[in-house]
């Protein structure tokens, strides 16, 4: 037992374990640099010694050559940018607008965008394109038309924007004009015009109502006059019918009776060619 040293035995075991642990650590480090996890809705752009590969990694677990390859994660999800844009209308009114853009990077365009533009593609490509499209389209419309044709203007700006960014692989999903704002003078002019239009509509309505009332009164008078005329005509027709009935009811006996009733007792005088004979019913009585 005199020759046994526990410390030396422990040191001997430690010396054997250290290399093993070191190998495990190295393997773990190499493994960590060899595994790439691409999140959902994203693609991984592979760079081998700084050179961008045209083939990208889809979402999921992937392996790469450690210390030789690097992977840049590019999101392909729909993203939103709210932009403040200034422009001048056709009638030289200053237009300040708030714009909302929903966009995404096409799956096949991740490598191209990273290679030619980089990860700051929104600042380099998208936002300047929004400003340029807003200015070019606004110049085609008057300030009032920008308000009344808002949907049409929005579609035209979206088409212009899509044309500018599609070559880079940026897809515009939705474009909307949140708000238009003009100078205080223009807003006051619009308000005054609206008040004038409201007053005009009110006056026109009152005039139309007055005309309707007048026409109704005239119609009532016309109906009353027509009713009175119809009554007079009916009365005259009734009188005519009565006279006709009376005339038809008269016969010769009635006529004779009426004559007798109206006779004053004197016979008519008869005139002949030789003499005039006068008949007096009281003459024989005297003789």
Protein backbone atom coordinates (compact mmCIF):
# COMPACT_ATOMS: atom_id res chain seq x y z
CA UNK A 1 0.00 0.00 0.00
CA UNK A 2 2.95 2.24 0.46
CA UNK A 3 3.41 2.67 -3.27
CA UNK A 4 -0.28 3.60 -3.98
CA UNK A 5 -1.07 7.35 -4.48
CA UNK A 6 -4.79 8.21 -4.97
CA UNK A 7 -4.02 11.66 -6.31
CA UNK A 8 -1.93 10.28 -9.08
CA UNK A 9 -4.70 7.90 -9.99
CA UNK A 10 -7.26 10.75 -10.24
CA UNK A 11 -4.88 12.83 -12.30
CA UNK A 12 -4.41 9.92 -14.64
CA UNK A 13 -8.17 9.60 -15.17
CA UNK A 14 -8.61 13.32 -15.71
CA UNK A 15 -5.89 13.29 -18.33
CA UNK A 16 -7.77 10.56 -20.19
CA UNK A 17 -11.16 12.38 -19.97
CA UNK A 18 -9.94 15.81 -21.08
CA UNK A 19 -9.21 14.82 -24.69
CA UNK A 20 -12.59 13.12 -24.95
CA UNK A 21 -14.41 16.19 -23.64
CA UNK A 22 -12.42 18.39 -25.97
CA UNK A 23 -13.40 16.26 -28.95
CA UNK A 24 -17.04 16.40 -27.92
CA UNK A 25 -16.90 20.18 -27.61
CA UNK A 26 -15.28 20.53 -31.01
CA UNK A 27 -17.88 18.24 -32.55
CA UNK A 28 -20.67 20.25 -30.91
CA UNK A 29 -19.22 23.50 -32.21
CA UNK A 30 -18.84 22.10 -35.71
CA UNK A 31 -22.39 20.71 -35.57
CA UNK A 32 -23.78 24.05 -34.46
CA UNK A 33 -22.14 25.74 -37.40
CA UNK A 34 -23.37 23.01 -39.73
CA UNK A 35 -27.11 23.17 -38.92
CA UNK A 36 -29.42 25.86 -40.27
CA UNK A 37 -33.11 26.21 -39.38
CA UNK A 38 -35.13 28.30 -41.84
CA UNK A 39 -38.29 29.68 -40.14
CA UNK A 40 -41.75 29.26 -41.65
CA UNK A 41 -42.53 31.83 -44.34
CA UNK A 42 -38.86 32.45 -45.06
CA UNK A 43 -36.07 31.28 -47.35
CA UNK A 44 -32.36 30.88 -46.69
CA UNK A 45 -29.92 32.48 -49.12
CA UNK A 46 -26.72 30.39 -49.22
CA UNK A 47 -23.34 32.07 -49.55
CA UNK A 48 -20.24 29.94 -50.14
CA UNK A 49 -17.10 31.92 -49.30
CA UNK A 50 -19.09 35.08 -49.98
CA UNK A 51 -20.59 33.98 -53.30
CA UNK A 52 -24.40 33.95 -53.40
CA UNK A 53 -25.95 30.75 -54.67
CA UNK A 54 -29.02 30.85 -56.90
CA UNK A 55 -30.51 27.96 -54.94
CA UNK A 56 -32.15 28.91 -51.68
CA UNK A 57 -33.11 26.84 -48.65
CA UNK A 58 -36.81 26.42 -48.00
CA UNK A 59 -38.26 26.46 -44.49
CA UNK A 60 -37.08 23.64 -42.21
CA UNK A 61 -33.80 22.04 -41.04
CA UNK A 62 -30.75 22.14 -43.34
CA UNK A 63 -27.01 21.43 -43.21
CA UNK A 64 -24.20 23.63 -44.49
CA UNK A 65 -20.45 23.45 -44.65
CA UNK A 66 -19.22 25.07 -41.42
CA UNK A 67 -16.96 28.10 -41.70
CA UNK A 68 -17.34 27.92 -45.48
CA UNK A 69 -21.03 28.59 -46.04
CA UNK A 70 -23.24 31.21 -44.47
CA UNK A 71 -27.04 31.49 -44.75
CA UNK A 72 -28.99 34.78 -44.74
CA UNK A 73 -32.67 34.45 -43.77
CA UNK A 74 -35.07 36.44 -46.00
CA UNK A 75 -38.72 36.73 -44.94
CA UNK A 76 -41.30 35.97 -47.65
CA UNK A 77 -44.26 36.84 -45.45
CA UNK A 78 -46.57 39.73 -46.25
CA UNK A 79 -45.23 42.87 -44.62
CA UNK A 80 -46.72 46.33 -44.23
CA UNK A 81 -45.18 49.75 -44.69
CA UNK A 82 -46.94 53.04 -43.93
CA UNK A 83 -45.46 55.88 -45.94
CA UNK A 84 -45.88 59.64 -45.86
CA UNK A 85 -45.76 60.95 -49.44
CA UNK A 86 -45.80 64.50 -50.79
CA UNK A 87 -46.89 65.45 -54.28
CA UNK A 88 -48.37 68.27 -56.39
CA UNK A 89 -51.71 67.97 -58.16
CA UNK A 90 -52.50 68.99 -61.71
CA UNK A 91 -53.84 72.35 -60.49
CA UNK A 92 -50.64 72.88 -58.47
CA UNK A 93 -52.11 72.09 -55.06
CA UNK A 94 -49.77 70.56 -52.48
CA UNK A 95 -50.90 67.05 -51.57
CA UNK A 96 -49.76 65.28 -48.43
CA UNK A 97 -50.87 61.67 -48.28
CA UNK A 98 -50.58 58.72 -45.95
CA UNK A 99 -50.15 55.43 -47.82
CA UNK A 100 -50.26 51.82 -46.63
CA UNK A 101 -48.50 49.15 -48.71
CA UNK A 102 -48.69 45.40 -48.14
CA UNK A 103 -45.88 43.58 -49.94
CA UNK A 104 -43.72 40.48 -49.87
CA UNK A 105 -40.60 39.06 -51.47
CA UNK A 106 -41.27 36.33 -54.03
CA UNK A 107 -39.92 32.90 -53.09
CA UNK A 108 -37.84 32.74 -56.26
CA UNK A 109 -36.48 36.25 -55.79
CA UNK A 110 -34.85 35.99 -52.38
CA UNK A 111 -31.36 35.24 -53.74
CA UNK A 112 -31.62 37.93 -56.41
CA UNK A 113 -32.72 40.61 -53.93
CA UNK A 114 -30.03 39.69 -51.41
CA UNK A 115 -27.36 39.59 -54.10
CA UNK A 116 -28.27 42.83 -55.92
CA UNK A 117 -29.90 44.95 -53.23
CA UNK A 118 -29.32 43.45 -49.81
CA UNK A 119 -31.50 43.13 -46.74
CA UNK A 120 -32.42 46.84 -46.78
CA UNK A 121 -34.40 46.49 -50.01
CA UNK A 122 -37.41 48.37 -48.53
CA UNK A 123 -35.38 51.54 -48.05
CA UNK A 124 -33.46 51.17 -51.31
CA UNK A 125 -36.24 50.10 -53.71
CA UNK A 126 -39.76 50.04 -52.25
CA UNK A 127 -40.09 53.38 -50.47
CA UNK A 128 -38.55 55.49 -53.27
CA UNK A 129 -40.84 53.71 -55.77
CA UNK A 130 -43.88 54.61 -53.64
CA UNK A 131 -42.88 58.28 -53.60
CA UNK A 132 -42.22 58.37 -57.33
CA UNK A 133 -45.49 56.63 -58.20
CA UNK A 134 -47.45 58.98 -55.95
CA UNK A 135 -45.92 62.06 -57.56
CA UNK A 136 -46.38 60.87 -61.15
CA UNK A 137 -50.02 59.88 -60.72
CA UNK A 138 -51.06 62.89 -58.60
CA UNK A 139 -49.81 65.23 -61.32
CA UNK A 140 -52.49 63.83 -63.67
CA UNK A 141 -55.43 64.84 -61.46
CA UNK A 142 -56.71 68.05 -59.90
CA UNK A 143 -56.93 68.21 -56.13
CA UNK A 144 -60.69 67.81 -56.26
CA UNK A 145 -60.40 64.79 -58.55
CA UNK A 146 -57.92 63.18 -56.15
CA UNK A 147 -60.73 63.26 -53.59
CA UNK A 148 -63.68 62.26 -55.77
CA UNK A 149 -61.73 59.64 -57.76
CA UNK A 150 -59.78 58.30 -54.80
CA UNK A 151 -60.29 54.60 -55.63
CA UNK A 152 -59.27 55.11 -59.25
CA UNK A 153 -56.19 57.10 -58.22
CA UNK A 154 -55.22 54.36 -55.75
CA UNK A 155 -55.44 51.66 -58.42
CA UNK A 156 -53.32 53.71 -60.80
CA UNK A 157 -50.64 54.32 -58.16
CA UNK A 158 -50.62 50.61 -57.34
CA UNK A 159 -50.13 49.69 -61.01
CA UNK A 160 -47.28 52.18 -61.32
CA UNK A 161 -45.67 50.84 -58.14
CA UNK A 162 -45.97 47.21 -59.26
CA UNK A 163 -44.28 48.07 -62.54
CA UNK A 164 -41.34 49.66 -60.72
CA UNK A 165 -40.67 46.93 -58.12
CA UNK A 166 -41.70 43.72 -59.90
CA UNK A 167 -38.35 43.49 -61.69
CA UNK A 168 -36.68 43.13 -58.28
CA UNK A 169 -39.02 40.34 -57.21
CA UNK A 170 -41.14 42.44 -54.81
CA UNK A 171 -44.84 41.60 -54.98
CA UNK A 172 -47.43 44.28 -54.06
CA UNK A 173 -50.35 42.56 -52.34
CA UNK A 174 -52.40 45.60 -51.40
CA UNK A 175 -52.16 49.35 -51.79
CA UNK A 176 -54.42 51.89 -50.11
CA UNK A 177 -54.50 55.65 -49.61
CA UNK A 178 -55.21 56.14 -45.92
CA UNK A 179 -55.59 59.91 -46.10
CA UNK A 180 -55.27 62.92 -48.38
CA UNK A 181 -54.41 66.30 -46.89
CA UNK A 182 -54.27 69.66 -48.66
CA UNK A 183 -53.40 73.23 -47.79
CA UNK A 184 -55.64 75.15 -45.39
CA UNK A 185 -56.71 77.52 -48.19
CA UNK A 186 -57.81 74.65 -50.38
CA UNK A 187 -59.73 73.01 -47.54
CA UNK A 188 -61.55 76.28 -46.87
CA UNK A 189 -62.39 76.62 -50.57
CA UNK A 190 -63.77 73.07 -50.66
CA UNK A 191 -65.83 73.73 -47.55
CA UNK A 192 -67.24 76.94 -49.04
CA UNK A 193 -68.11 75.12 -52.25
CA UNK A 194 -69.90 72.39 -50.34
CA UNK A 195 -71.90 74.97 -48.38
CA UNK A 196 -72.87 76.71 -51.63
CA UNK A 197 -73.93 73.42 -53.17
CA UNK A 198 -75.99 72.56 -50.09
CA UNK A 199 -77.72 75.94 -50.25
CA UNK A 200 -78.37 75.49 -53.95
CA UNK A 201 -79.88 72.08 -53.36
CA UNK A 202 -82.02 73.48 -50.54
CA UNK A 203 -83.26 76.37 -52.70
CA UNK A 204 -83.99 74.05 -55.60
CA UNK A 205 -85.89 71.70 -53.32
CA UNK A 206 -87.96 74.55 -51.89
CA UNK A 207 -88.75 75.79 -55.40
CA UNK A 208 -89.77 72.30 -56.50
CA UNK A 209 -91.98 71.96 -53.44
CA UNK A 210 -93.61 75.34 -54.20
CA UNK A 211 -94.27 74.24 -57.78
CA UNK A 212 -95.79 70.97 -56.59
CA UNK A 213 -98.08 72.84 -54.15
CA UNK A 214 -99.13 75.34 -56.85
CA UNK A 215 -99.82 72.56 -59.31
CA UNK A 216 -101.86 70.73 -56.68
CA UNK A 217 -103.94 73.85 -55.96
CA UNK A 218 -104.48 74.43 -59.67
CA UNK A 219 -105.51 70.81 -60.09
CA UNK A 220 -108.00 71.15 -57.23
CA UNK A 221 -109.54 74.26 -58.83
CA UNK A 222 -109.68 72.53 -62.19
CA UNK A 223 -111.42 69.52 -60.64
CA UNK A 224 -113.91 71.79 -58.84
CA UNK A 225 -114.64 73.74 -62.03
CA UNK A 226 -115.08 70.55 -63.97
CA UNK A 227 -117.43 69.21 -61.30
CA UNK A 228 -119.51 72.41 -61.43
CA UNK A 229 -119.64 72.29 -65.23
CA UNK A 230 -120.69 68.65 -65.09
CA UNK A 231 -123.43 69.54 -62.60
CA UNK A 232 -124.76 72.34 -64.84
CA UNK A 233 -124.67 70.06 -67.85
CA UNK A 234 -126.46 67.34 -65.93
CA UNK A 235 -129.14 69.81 -64.76
CA UNK A 236 -129.66 71.15 -68.28
CA UNK A 237 -129.88 67.62 -69.63
CA UNK A 238 -132.42 66.70 -66.97
CA UNK A 239 -134.54 69.77 -67.85
CA UNK A 240 -134.32 68.92 -71.53
CA UNK A 241 -135.35 65.34 -70.85
CA UNK A 242 -138.29 66.57 -68.76
CA UNK A 243 -139.40 68.98 -71.51
CA UNK A 244 -139.14 66.24 -74.08
CA UNK A 245 -141.19 63.90 -71.89
CA UNK A 246 -143.81 66.62 -71.37
CA UNK A 247 -143.99 67.35 -75.06
CA UNK A 248 -144.42 63.70 -75.86
CA UNK A 249 -147.21 63.35 -73.28
CA UNK A 250 -149.39 66.11 -74.88
CA UNK A 251 -152.14 64.90 -77.32
CA UNK A 252 -154.94 66.60 -79.29
CA UNK A 253 -157.52 66.23 -76.47
CA UNK A 254 -155.24 67.90 -74.02
CA UNK A 255 -154.58 70.71 -76.49
CA UNK A 256 -158.32 71.20 -77.04
CA UNK A 257 -158.92 71.10 -73.32
CA UNK A 258 -156.31 73.75 -72.81
CA UNK A 259 -157.94 75.86 -75.53
CA UNK A 260 -161.40 75.54 -73.90
CA UNK A 261 -159.93 76.45 -70.55
CA UNK A 262 -158.44 79.57 -72.05
CA UNK A 263 -161.62 80.55 -74.23
CA UNK A 264 -163.26 83.84 -73.27
CA UNK A 265 -166.79 82.88 -74.55
CA UNK A 266 -166.68 84.73 -77.87
CA UNK A 267 -166.88 82.94 -81.20
CA UNK A 268 -164.35 83.84 -83.79
CA UNK A 269 -165.30 86.16 -86.64
CA UNK A 270 -165.61 84.48 -90.09
CA UNK A 271 -164.70 86.42 -93.19
CA UNK A 272 -166.20 85.33 -96.54
CA UNK A 273 -166.04 86.56 -100.12
CA UNK A 274 -169.60 88.08 -100.21
CA UNK A 275 -170.47 88.94 -96.69
CA UNK A 276 -169.30 89.06 -93.18
CA UNK A 277 -171.37 86.88 -90.84
CA UNK A 278 -171.23 87.61 -87.20
CA UNK A 279 -172.77 85.11 -84.88
CA UNK A 280 -174.00 86.21 -81.51
CA UNK A 281 -175.32 83.39 -79.31
CA UNK A 282 -177.61 85.89 -77.46
CA UNK A 283 -179.33 87.17 -80.62
CA UNK A 284 -182.12 84.46 -80.83
CA UNK A 285 -183.01 84.88 -77.23
CA UNK A 286 -183.78 88.56 -77.76
CA UNK A 287 -186.03 87.86 -80.69
